[in-house]
Amino acid sequence: MTALQRAARLDPPAPRWTVAWLNGQVDKQNGYLDKAIEEFRSILEDRYPELEKRKFDFSKDYEVINELGQNLFRARQAGAR
């Protein structure tokens, strides 16, 4: 995670969506499902100037949607125990 934090602080910083994706993957692997869900949701829902400038819209990105769905499912299963 430290490497990802450094990447976010570089000049220029790594793209927010890339850092969120990688953080979500790390959080998922470490069992921090709530954190992973936050990261994947941020990719799908957050809007900021850089996205508009580059004409990116991740709101329909099926890879991110699938990751979010899988983590929501796993978190719900873990909570049901």
Protein backbone atom coordinates (compact mmCIF):
# COMPACT_ATOMS: atom_id res chain seq x y z
CA MET A 1 0.00 0.00 0.00
CA THR A 2 2.92 2.33 0.67
CA ALA A 3 3.92 2.26 -3.00
CA LEU A 4 0.39 3.26 -3.98
CA GLN A 5 0.44 6.15 -1.53
CA ARG A 6 3.72 7.33 -3.03
CA ALA A 7 2.30 7.06 -6.54
CA ALA A 8 -0.58 9.32 -5.56
CA ARG A 9 1.89 11.95 -4.32
CA LEU A 10 4.18 11.99 -7.37
CA ASP A 11 4.45 15.07 -9.54
CA PRO A 12 2.47 14.63 -11.66
CA PRO A 13 0.41 12.25 -9.53
CA ALA A 14 -0.78 8.91 -10.83
CA PRO A 15 -4.35 9.16 -12.14
CA ARG A 16 -6.91 8.95 -9.34
CA TRP A 17 -8.82 6.15 -11.05
CA THR A 18 -5.66 4.04 -11.36
CA VAL A 19 -4.77 4.50 -7.70
CA ALA A 20 -8.38 3.71 -6.70
CA TRP A 21 -8.39 0.55 -8.85
CA LEU A 22 -5.11 -0.72 -7.41
CA ASN A 23 -6.11 0.19 -3.84
CA GLY A 24 -9.38 -1.68 -4.36
CA GLN A 25 -7.52 -4.75 -5.58
CA VAL A 26 -5.13 -4.69 -2.61
CA ASP A 27 -7.98 -4.11 -0.14
CA LYS A 28 -9.94 -7.00 -1.66
CA GLN A 29 -6.97 -9.37 -1.41
CA ASN A 30 -6.41 -8.35 2.22
CA GLY A 31 -10.07 -8.87 3.11
CA TYR A 32 -10.89 -5.19 3.60
CA LEU A 33 -14.09 -5.44 1.60
CA ASP A 34 -15.61 -2.16 2.79
CA LYS A 35 -12.51 -0.26 1.70
CA ALA A 36 -12.47 -2.09 -1.65
CA ILE A 37 -16.14 -1.23 -2.18
CA GLU A 38 -15.37 2.46 -1.50
CA GLU A 39 -12.53 2.46 -4.01
CA PHE A 40 -14.53 0.78 -6.78
CA ARG A 41 -17.52 3.05 -6.14
CA SER A 42 -15.29 6.08 -6.39
CA ILE A 43 -14.16 5.00 -9.86
CA LEU A 44 -17.75 4.61 -11.01
CA GLU A 45 -19.29 7.64 -9.31
CA ASP A 46 -16.71 10.40 -8.79
CA ARG A 47 -16.56 13.22 -11.30
CA TYR A 48 -13.67 15.65 -11.53
CA PRO A 49 -12.10 17.90 -14.19
CA GLU A 50 -9.40 15.49 -15.35
CA LEU A 51 -12.02 12.90 -16.35
CA GLU A 52 -14.00 15.45 -18.33
CA LYS A 53 -10.87 16.87 -19.94
CA ARG A 54 -9.81 13.40 -21.12
CA LYS A 55 -13.42 12.43 -21.96
CA PHE A 56 -13.30 9.38 -19.67
CA ASP A 57 -16.48 7.91 -18.23
CA PHE A 58 -15.95 4.89 -16.03
CA SER A 59 -19.59 4.70 -14.94
CA LYS A 60 -20.23 1.87 -17.41
CA ASP A 61 -16.89 0.09 -17.07
CA TYR A 62 -17.92 -3.56 -16.66
CA GLU A 63 -14.60 -4.56 -15.04
CA VAL A 64 -15.12 -2.05 -12.23
CA ILE A 65 -18.83 -2.86 -11.95
CA ASN A 66 -17.99 -6.58 -11.66
CA GLU A 67 -15.38 -5.94 -8.97
CA LEU A 68 -17.83 -3.79 -7.04
CA GLY A 69 -20.55 -6.43 -7.32
CA GLN A 70 -18.27 -9.26 -6.24
CA ASN A 71 -17.10 -7.31 -3.21
CA LEU A 72 -20.64 -6.32 -2.26
CA PHE A 73 -21.65 -9.98 -2.48
CA ARG A 74 -18.67 -11.16 -0.41
CA ALA A 75 -19.29 -8.45 2.21
CA ARG A 76 -22.93 -9.44 2.47
CA GLN A 77 -22.00 -13.11 2.86
CA ALA A 78 -19.45 -12.26 5.54
CA GLY A 79 -22.04 -10.17 7.40
CA ALA A 80 -24.61 -12.96 7.28
CA ARG A 81 -22.44 -15.37 9.27
